[in-house]
Protein backbone atom coordinates (compact mmCIF):
# COMPACT_ATOMS: atom_id res chain seq x y z
CA MET A 1 70.88 95.33 110.39
CA GLY A 2 74.51 96.07 111.17
CA GLN A 3 76.54 94.38 113.86
CA LEU A 4 76.35 97.50 116.05
CA SER A 5 72.82 98.66 115.30
CA GLY A 6 71.37 100.58 118.22
CA LYS A 7 74.72 100.88 119.99
CA THR A 8 76.70 104.00 120.85
CA ALA A 9 80.49 104.00 120.61
CA TRP A 10 83.07 106.45 121.95
CA ILE A 11 86.44 106.40 120.21
CA THR A 12 89.30 108.49 121.58
CA GLY A 13 91.91 109.64 119.10
CA GLY A 14 89.25 109.22 116.44
CA GLY A 15 90.51 111.90 114.07
CA SER A 16 92.94 109.76 112.10
CA GLY A 17 94.63 106.40 111.73
CA ILE A 18 93.23 103.41 113.60
CA GLY A 19 90.67 105.51 115.48
CA LEU A 20 89.20 106.97 112.30
CA ALA A 21 89.14 103.58 110.57
CA ALA A 22 87.26 102.12 113.54
CA ALA A 23 84.85 105.05 113.66
CA LYS A 24 83.97 104.66 109.97
CA LEU A 25 83.49 100.92 110.32
CA PHE A 26 81.41 101.17 113.51
CA ALA A 27 79.15 103.77 111.87
CA ALA A 28 78.77 101.61 108.77
CA GLU A 29 77.66 98.80 111.08
CA GLY A 30 74.88 100.94 112.54
CA ALA A 31 76.46 102.55 115.61
CA ASN A 32 76.14 106.10 116.81
CA VAL A 33 79.76 107.24 117.00
CA ALA A 34 81.46 109.96 119.03
CA VAL A 35 85.09 110.76 118.27
CA THR A 36 87.24 112.80 120.62
CA GLY A 37 90.68 114.34 120.43
CA ARG A 38 92.54 117.59 120.84
CA ASN A 39 92.44 118.90 117.25
CA MET A 40 88.91 120.04 116.45
CA ASP A 41 89.64 120.69 112.78
CA LYS A 42 90.83 117.11 112.36
CA LEU A 43 87.81 115.79 114.25
CA ASN A 44 85.37 117.78 112.12
CA ALA A 45 87.01 116.43 108.98
CA ALA A 46 86.72 112.94 110.43
CA VAL A 47 82.98 113.36 111.03
CA GLU A 48 82.57 114.29 107.37
CA GLU A 49 84.11 110.93 106.49
CA ILE A 50 82.24 108.95 109.12
CA GLY A 51 78.85 110.25 108.03
CA ALA A 52 75.48 110.27 109.72
CA ASN A 53 75.05 109.70 113.46
CA ALA A 54 78.60 110.85 114.24
CA ILE A 55 79.67 113.70 116.51
CA ALA A 56 83.03 115.24 117.34
CA ILE A 57 83.95 116.52 120.79
CA GLN A 58 87.19 118.21 121.73
CA ALA A 59 88.68 116.43 124.73
CA ASP A 60 92.19 115.98 126.10
CA THR A 61 92.96 112.53 127.49
CA THR A 62 95.41 114.09 129.95
CA ASP A 63 92.59 116.12 131.53
CA PRO A 64 90.10 113.94 133.46
CA SER A 65 87.55 116.73 133.69
CA SER A 66 87.66 117.12 129.91
CA LEU A 67 86.93 113.40 129.54
CA GLU A 68 84.06 113.59 132.04
CA ILE A 69 82.50 116.45 130.09
CA ALA A 70 82.87 114.51 126.84
CA ALA A 71 81.29 111.36 128.28
CA ALA A 72 78.34 113.35 129.62
CA GLU A 73 77.87 115.05 126.25
CA ILE A 74 77.89 111.72 124.41
CA ALA A 75 75.34 110.25 126.80
CA GLY A 76 73.23 113.40 126.53
CA LYS A 77 73.21 113.12 122.75
CA PHE A 78 72.70 109.37 122.37
CA GLY A 79 71.35 108.32 125.76
CA LYS A 80 73.96 105.71 126.70
CA LEU A 81 77.34 104.20 125.95
CA ASP A 82 77.79 100.62 124.72
CA VAL A 83 81.35 100.64 123.36
CA VAL A 84 84.48 102.51 124.42
CA PHE A 85 87.57 102.22 122.25
CA ALA A 86 90.37 103.86 124.27
CA ASN A 87 92.56 104.31 121.25
CA ALA A 88 94.29 107.66 121.87
CA GLY A 89 98.02 107.48 122.41
CA ILE A 90 101.27 109.14 121.48
CA PRO A 91 104.59 107.66 120.33
CA GLY A 92 108.01 108.92 121.18
CA GLN A 93 111.52 107.63 121.60
CA THR A 94 113.14 107.87 125.03
CA LEU A 95 116.70 106.70 124.48
CA LEU A 96 118.46 105.67 127.66
CA GLY A 97 121.09 108.29 128.52
CA SER A 98 119.59 111.27 126.72
CA THR A 99 115.93 111.57 127.73
CA GLU A 100 114.38 114.46 129.63
CA ILE A 101 111.89 113.51 132.33
CA SER A 102 109.16 115.63 130.71
CA ALA A 103 109.32 113.58 127.49
CA PHE A 104 109.08 110.33 129.44
CA GLN A 105 106.20 111.53 131.60
CA ASP A 106 104.23 112.94 128.65
CA ILE A 107 104.07 109.48 127.07
CA LEU A 108 103.01 107.80 130.30
CA ASN A 109 100.43 110.50 131.01
CA VAL A 110 98.66 110.07 127.68
CA ASN A 111 99.09 106.34 127.17
CA ILE A 112 98.44 105.07 130.71
CA THR A 113 96.74 107.74 132.80
CA GLY A 114 94.64 108.91 129.86
CA VAL A 115 93.35 105.40 129.23
CA PHE A 116 92.41 104.90 132.87
CA PHE A 117 90.50 108.15 133.10
CA THR A 118 88.78 107.56 129.76
CA VAL A 119 87.32 104.34 131.13
CA GLN A 120 86.49 105.99 134.45
CA ALA A 121 84.70 108.86 132.71
CA ALA A 122 82.64 106.43 130.65
CA LEU A 123 81.72 104.21 133.58
CA LEU A 124 78.70 106.18 134.76
CA TYR A 125 77.07 105.91 131.32
CA LEU A 126 78.08 102.40 130.26
CA SER A 127 75.29 99.91 129.67
CA ASP A 128 75.52 96.57 131.42
CA GLY A 129 77.12 94.17 128.96
CA ALA A 130 79.07 96.97 127.27
CA SER A 131 82.43 96.45 125.57
CA ILE A 132 85.66 98.29 126.39
CA ILE A 133 88.56 97.97 123.95
CA LEU A 134 92.05 99.19 124.77
CA ASN A 135 94.84 99.78 122.27
CA GLY A 136 98.19 98.18 123.09
CA SER A 137 101.27 97.63 120.94
CA VAL A 138 103.73 94.91 119.97
CA LEU A 139 106.45 97.22 121.28
CA ALA A 140 105.38 96.29 124.81
CA LYS A 141 107.18 92.97 124.25
CA ALA A 142 109.53 93.57 121.32
CA GLY A 143 112.34 95.28 123.24
CA GLY A 144 112.86 97.94 120.59
CA PRO A 145 115.86 100.17 121.45
CA GLY A 146 114.85 103.70 122.40
CA TRP A 147 111.21 102.90 123.11
CA ALA A 148 111.30 102.43 126.90
CA ALA A 149 108.49 104.83 127.85
CA TYR A 150 106.24 103.79 124.99
CA ALA A 151 106.83 100.08 125.65
CA ALA A 152 106.22 100.55 129.36
CA SER A 153 103.03 102.47 128.69
CA LYS A 154 101.62 99.82 126.37
CA GLY A 155 102.60 97.03 128.74
CA ALA A 156 100.72 98.92 131.43
CA VAL A 157 97.63 99.07 129.22
CA SER A 158 97.59 95.28 129.01
CA SER A 159 98.04 95.03 132.78
CA MET A 160 95.26 97.54 133.46
CA ALA A 161 92.94 95.62 131.18
CA ARG A 162 93.20 92.56 133.42
CA VAL A 163 92.20 94.64 136.45
CA PHE A 164 89.31 96.22 134.54
CA VAL A 165 88.10 92.73 133.60
CA SER A 166 87.72 91.71 137.24
CA GLU A 167 86.22 95.01 138.36
CA LEU A 168 83.63 95.20 135.59
CA ALA A 169 82.69 91.54 135.21
CA PRO A 170 79.81 91.84 137.74
CA ARG A 171 78.09 94.17 135.26
CA GLY A 172 78.85 91.94 132.30
CA ILE A 173 81.14 94.60 130.85
CA ARG A 174 83.87 93.04 128.74
CA VAL A 175 87.41 94.44 128.44
CA ASN A 176 89.79 93.36 125.69
CA THR A 177 92.99 94.68 124.13
CA VAL A 178 94.03 94.94 120.51
CA ILE A 179 97.78 94.72 119.92
CA PRO A 180 98.73 96.33 116.60
CA GLY A 181 102.06 95.79 114.95
CA ALA A 182 103.61 98.14 112.39
CA THR A 183 100.59 99.81 110.79
CA ARG A 184 100.23 102.46 108.10
CA THR A 185 99.09 105.44 110.16
CA PRO A 186 100.10 109.11 110.54
CA ILE A 187 102.27 108.05 113.49
CA TRP A 188 105.13 107.61 110.99
CA GLY A 189 105.00 111.20 109.73
CA GLN A 190 104.99 112.05 106.05
CA PRO A 191 104.11 109.28 103.53
CA GLU A 192 107.54 109.49 101.90
CA ARG A 193 109.17 108.71 105.25
CA LEU A 194 107.04 105.60 105.61
CA GLU A 195 108.10 104.49 102.14
CA GLN A 196 111.74 104.83 103.16
CA ILE A 197 111.43 102.63 106.22
CA GLU A 198 108.75 100.21 105.04
CA ALA A 199 111.13 97.71 103.47
CA GLY A 200 113.10 97.43 106.68
CA LEU A 201 109.99 97.03 108.81
CA ALA A 202 108.40 94.50 106.48
CA SER A 203 111.50 92.32 106.49
CA GLY A 204 110.96 91.72 110.21
CA ILE A 205 107.32 90.64 109.85
CA PRO A 206 106.50 87.01 108.95
CA LEU A 207 103.74 88.07 106.55
CA GLY A 208 106.21 90.47 104.94
CA ARG A 209 104.07 93.60 104.93
CA LEU A 210 102.75 96.38 107.10
CA GLY A 211 99.23 96.33 108.48
CA GLU A 212 96.44 98.68 107.53
CA PRO A 213 94.30 100.61 110.05
CA GLU A 214 91.30 98.67 108.80
CA TYR A 215 92.82 95.40 110.07
CA VAL A 216 92.75 96.72 113.62
CA ALA A 217 89.33 98.28 113.07
CA ASN A 218 87.90 94.93 111.98
CA THR A 219 89.20 93.29 115.15
CA ALA A 220 87.80 96.12 117.26
CA LEU A 221 84.43 95.65 115.54
CA PHE A 222 84.40 91.98 116.50
CA LEU A 223 85.21 92.85 120.12
CA ALA A 224 82.57 95.58 120.15
CA SER A 225 79.85 93.33 118.77
CA ASP A 226 77.71 90.64 120.34
CA ALA A 227 79.71 88.07 118.36
CA SER A 228 82.35 88.29 121.12
CA SER A 229 79.90 88.29 124.03
CA TYR A 230 81.85 85.59 125.93
CA ILE A 231 85.30 87.08 125.34
CA THR A 232 86.91 89.25 127.99
CA GLY A 233 90.53 89.67 129.03
CA ALA A 234 91.78 88.76 125.56
CA GLU A 235 94.78 90.29 123.82
CA ILE A 236 94.61 89.97 120.05
CA ASN A 237 97.77 90.56 118.04
CA ILE A 238 97.24 92.22 114.66
CA ASP A 239 100.89 92.17 113.69
CA GLY A 240 101.50 89.74 110.82
CA GLY A 241 103.11 87.27 113.23
CA MET A 242 105.78 89.66 114.49
CA ILE A 243 105.42 88.78 118.19
CA SER A 244 104.27 85.16 118.05
CA SER A 245 106.78 83.94 115.44
CA PRO A 246 109.53 86.52 114.89
CA LEU A 247 111.93 83.99 113.37
CA GLY A 248 109.45 83.45 110.56
CA ALA A 249 110.18 86.92 109.18
CA PRO A 250 111.71 87.23 105.70
CA ILE A 251 115.02 88.47 107.13
CA TYR A 252 115.55 85.05 108.79
CA ARG A 253 114.44 82.81 105.95
CA GLN A 254 116.95 80.67 104.15
CA ARG A 255 117.50 81.67 100.59
C-alpha cells in the first residue's frame, strides 16, 4: 500500500520539472493523478512517464473557467479530489526602470491569481481532510535584483496560504507551502545554460549544490500524505540552507 493509495491528486504545471516529478512520485505511491497545463503535447508525454491512473487535461491557470472545467473533469473521472498541488508558475525578470506593465502583470496573473482560482475551482470537489500544497520560492525573501514581480508573487502565495488555512480548517483541509531554492528544472532554459551558471549559484548555497525536482516532490508527498495530518500553515524550505543560513555558503567560508 502506497502513502497515497485511494487518493486523487491534481497537479498544475504537471508537464515538466517539479510538477512532473511530483506527479510520478504521487502515482508511484498509489494516487490517481491529473496533470494540467497549457501545452497538451507536453502533458501527454508526461502521462506516458507517470503511468497508469494518470490523465492530462489542458487548462490555463489564468482562465478561471478553464480551471473549473478541469476540476469537474477530474472529479468526474476519479470521483473526488484529495490533494491539490498548485505548482504552476512562470519566472521572469522585471528590472526596475525598464519593465513594461504587461510583463509585470503576466507574472502576477499566473503566480498569484492563478493559484487562488486553482484552489477555488477545486473546492467544490475536495474531500474533508484534503491537502492543498502551494509552491513558493526563496526569491520571495532573497531580494534578488531584477526579480520584483516574481518575488512579490511568491510572497503573496505564502500570505494567501495563511488565509486558506483559516478558511478551510473547519473542514479539516490542510494548506502548506513548499519553498524551493535553485532547482534543476526547465525554468533555466537549455541544459548548457544551467551548466554555465551552476557554479555561481552553488557557491551561494550552504550545501554547495543545486536541488533536484525530486527533493521538492518528496516534501510535497509528505504534505499530501496522512503522515502530515496535523501540519497546516507550514512553509518548508527545500533550498540547501540558502534562506535560513546564507552566510554558511561556500562563497563566505574561510579558506
